[in-house]
Amino acid sequence: MTLGTTYKWVYLSAGYQYIKDAIISFSGAYSEDDPTIALINMINAPDYDKIFASLVLSPTMGLWSPQNKRIVCNKKT
């Protein structure tokens, strides 16, 4: 679920997502003797909640239109 709003040159959005049965890539040392070699596996991640927010500022000054973005994400298991 994501909610967003815009006022003039300010855009704000916030959302929540429940992640279930995710499959992620995981890397670890291939062996303890030589930890410089990595082994990458796909593993099942535990279920978690994801909360995020985004703020975008994009004022227009003549022909110039700079943008400033800030994104915050928080994951809880």
C-alpha atoms as a PDB file:
ATOM      1  CA  MET A   1       0.000   0.000   0.000  1.00  0.00           C
ATOM      2  CA  THR A   2       1.429   3.366  -1.020  1.00  0.00           C
ATOM      3  CA  LEU A   3      -0.024   6.820  -0.511  1.00  0.00           C
ATOM      4  CA  GLY A   4       1.251   9.916  -2.279  1.00  0.00           C
ATOM      5  CA  THR A   5       0.392  13.588  -2.434  1.00  0.00           C
ATOM      6  CA  THR A   6       1.614  16.560  -4.431  1.00  0.00           C
ATOM      7  CA  TYR A   7       1.467  20.256  -3.608  1.00  0.00           C
ATOM      8  CA  LYS A   8       3.006  22.651  -6.129  1.00  0.00           C
ATOM      9  CA  TRP A   9       6.637  21.437  -6.374  1.00  0.00           C
ATOM     10  CA  VAL A  10       6.630  19.114  -3.334  1.00  0.00           C
ATOM     11  CA  TYR A  11       5.845  15.395  -3.651  1.00  0.00           C
ATOM     12  CA  LEU A  12       5.486  13.179  -0.573  1.00  0.00           C
ATOM     13  CA  SER A  13       4.782   9.464  -0.553  1.00  0.00           C
ATOM     14  CA  ALA A  14       4.707   6.856   2.190  1.00  0.00           C
ATOM     15  CA  GLY A  15       3.940   3.180   2.200  1.00  0.00           C
ATOM     16  CA  TYR A  16       3.858  -0.157   3.904  1.00  0.00           C
ATOM     17  CA  GLN A  17       4.535  -3.614   2.515  1.00  0.00           C
ATOM     18  CA  TYR A  18       4.474  -7.062   4.129  1.00  0.00           C
ATOM     19  CA  ILE A  19       7.090  -9.317   2.510  1.00  0.00           C
ATOM     20  CA  LYS A  20       6.347 -13.043   2.750  1.00  0.00           C
ATOM     21  CA  ASP A  21       8.231 -16.000   1.235  1.00  0.00           C
ATOM     22  CA  ALA A  22      10.952 -13.806  -0.275  1.00  0.00           C
ATOM     23  CA  ILE A  23      13.911 -15.453  -1.988  1.00  0.00           C
ATOM     24  CA  ILE A  24      17.136 -13.439  -1.749  1.00  0.00           C
ATOM     25  CA  SER A  25      20.746 -13.942  -2.768  1.00  0.00           C
ATOM     26  CA  PHE A  26      23.184 -14.604   0.071  1.00  0.00           C
ATOM     27  CA  SER A  27      26.959 -14.678  -0.142  1.00  0.00           C
ATOM     28  CA  GLY A  28      29.346 -16.242   2.314  1.00  0.00           C
ATOM     29  CA  ALA A  29      32.877 -17.594   2.452  1.00  0.00           C
ATOM     30  CA  TYR A  30      33.349 -20.748   0.365  1.00  0.00           C
ATOM     31  CA  SER A  31      35.612 -22.217   3.029  1.00  0.00           C
ATOM     32  CA  GLU A  32      37.228 -21.082   6.248  1.00  0.00           C
ATOM     33  CA  ASP A  33      40.676 -21.875   4.792  1.00  0.00           C
ATOM     34  CA  ASP A  34      40.319 -19.316   1.983  1.00  0.00           C
ATOM     35  CA  PRO A  35      37.668 -16.677   2.825  1.00  0.00           C
ATOM     36  CA  THR A  36      38.537 -14.654  -0.305  1.00  0.00           C
ATOM     37  CA  ILE A  37      36.333 -16.963  -2.394  1.00  0.00           C
ATOM     38  CA  ALA A  38      32.602 -16.243  -2.045  1.00  0.00           C
ATOM     39  CA  LEU A  39      29.772 -18.691  -2.602  1.00  0.00           C
ATOM     40  CA  ILE A  40      26.476 -17.103  -3.635  1.00  0.00           C
ATOM     41  CA  ASN A  41      23.268 -18.977  -2.844  1.00  0.00           C
ATOM     42  CA  MET A  42      19.556 -18.234  -3.078  1.00  0.00           C
ATOM     43  CA  ILE A  43      17.861 -18.562   0.323  1.00  0.00           C
ATOM     44  CA  ASN A  44      14.394 -18.059   1.772  1.00  0.00           C
ATOM     45  CA  ALA A  45      14.224 -14.874   3.829  1.00  0.00           C
ATOM     46  CA  PRO A  46      12.085 -14.627   6.948  1.00  0.00           C
ATOM     47  CA  ASP A  47       8.852 -12.655   6.631  1.00  0.00           C
ATOM     48  CA  TYR A  48       9.223  -8.937   7.375  1.00  0.00           C
ATOM     49  CA  ASP A  49       7.455  -5.583   7.331  1.00  0.00           C
ATOM     50  CA  LYS A  50       8.770  -2.782   5.119  1.00  0.00           C
ATOM     51  CA  ILE A  51       7.906   0.860   5.850  1.00  0.00           C
ATOM     52  CA  PHE A  52       9.113   3.581   3.499  1.00  0.00           C
ATOM     53  CA  ALA A  53       8.752   7.290   2.796  1.00  0.00           C
ATOM     54  CA  SER A  54       9.930   9.542   0.002  1.00  0.00           C
ATOM     55  CA  LEU A  55      10.129  13.324  -0.313  1.00  0.00           C
ATOM     56  CA  VAL A  56      10.884  14.996  -3.653  1.00  0.00           C
ATOM     57  CA  LEU A  57      11.445  18.742  -3.984  1.00  0.00           C
ATOM     58  CA  SER A  58      11.511  20.065  -7.552  1.00  0.00           C
ATOM     59  CA  PRO A  59      11.075  23.843  -7.742  1.00  0.00           C
ATOM     60  CA  THR A  60      11.280  25.626 -11.090  1.00  0.00           C
ATOM     61  CA  MET A  61      13.506  28.711 -11.323  1.00  0.00           C
ATOM     62  CA  GLY A  62      13.200  30.070 -14.828  1.00  0.00           C
ATOM     63  CA  LEU A  63      14.369  27.301 -17.175  1.00  0.00           C
ATOM     64  CA  TRP A  64      16.225  25.471 -14.388  1.00  0.00           C
ATOM     65  CA  SER A  65      14.375  22.702 -12.527  1.00  0.00           C
ATOM     66  CA  PRO A  66      16.592  21.082  -9.843  1.00  0.00           C
ATOM     67  CA  GLN A  67      15.421  18.031  -7.885  1.00  0.00           C
ATOM     68  CA  ASN A  68      16.235  16.981  -4.345  1.00  0.00           C
ATOM     69  CA  LYS A  69      15.143  13.485  -3.258  1.00  0.00           C
ATOM     70  CA  ARG A  70      15.158  11.881   0.183  1.00  0.00           C
ATOM     71  CA  ILE A  71      14.105   8.273   0.711  1.00  0.00           C
ATOM     72  CA  VAL A  72      13.802   6.514   4.068  1.00  0.00           C
ATOM     73  CA  CYS A  73      13.241   2.780   4.401  1.00  0.00           C
ATOM     74  CA  ASN A  74      12.857   0.727   7.569  1.00  0.00           C
ATOM     75  CA  LYS A  75      12.689  -3.079   7.706  1.00  0.00           C
ATOM     76  CA  LYS A  76      11.354  -4.933  10.750  1.00  0.00           C
ATOM     77  CA  THR A  77      11.501  -8.719  11.119  1.00  0.00           C
END
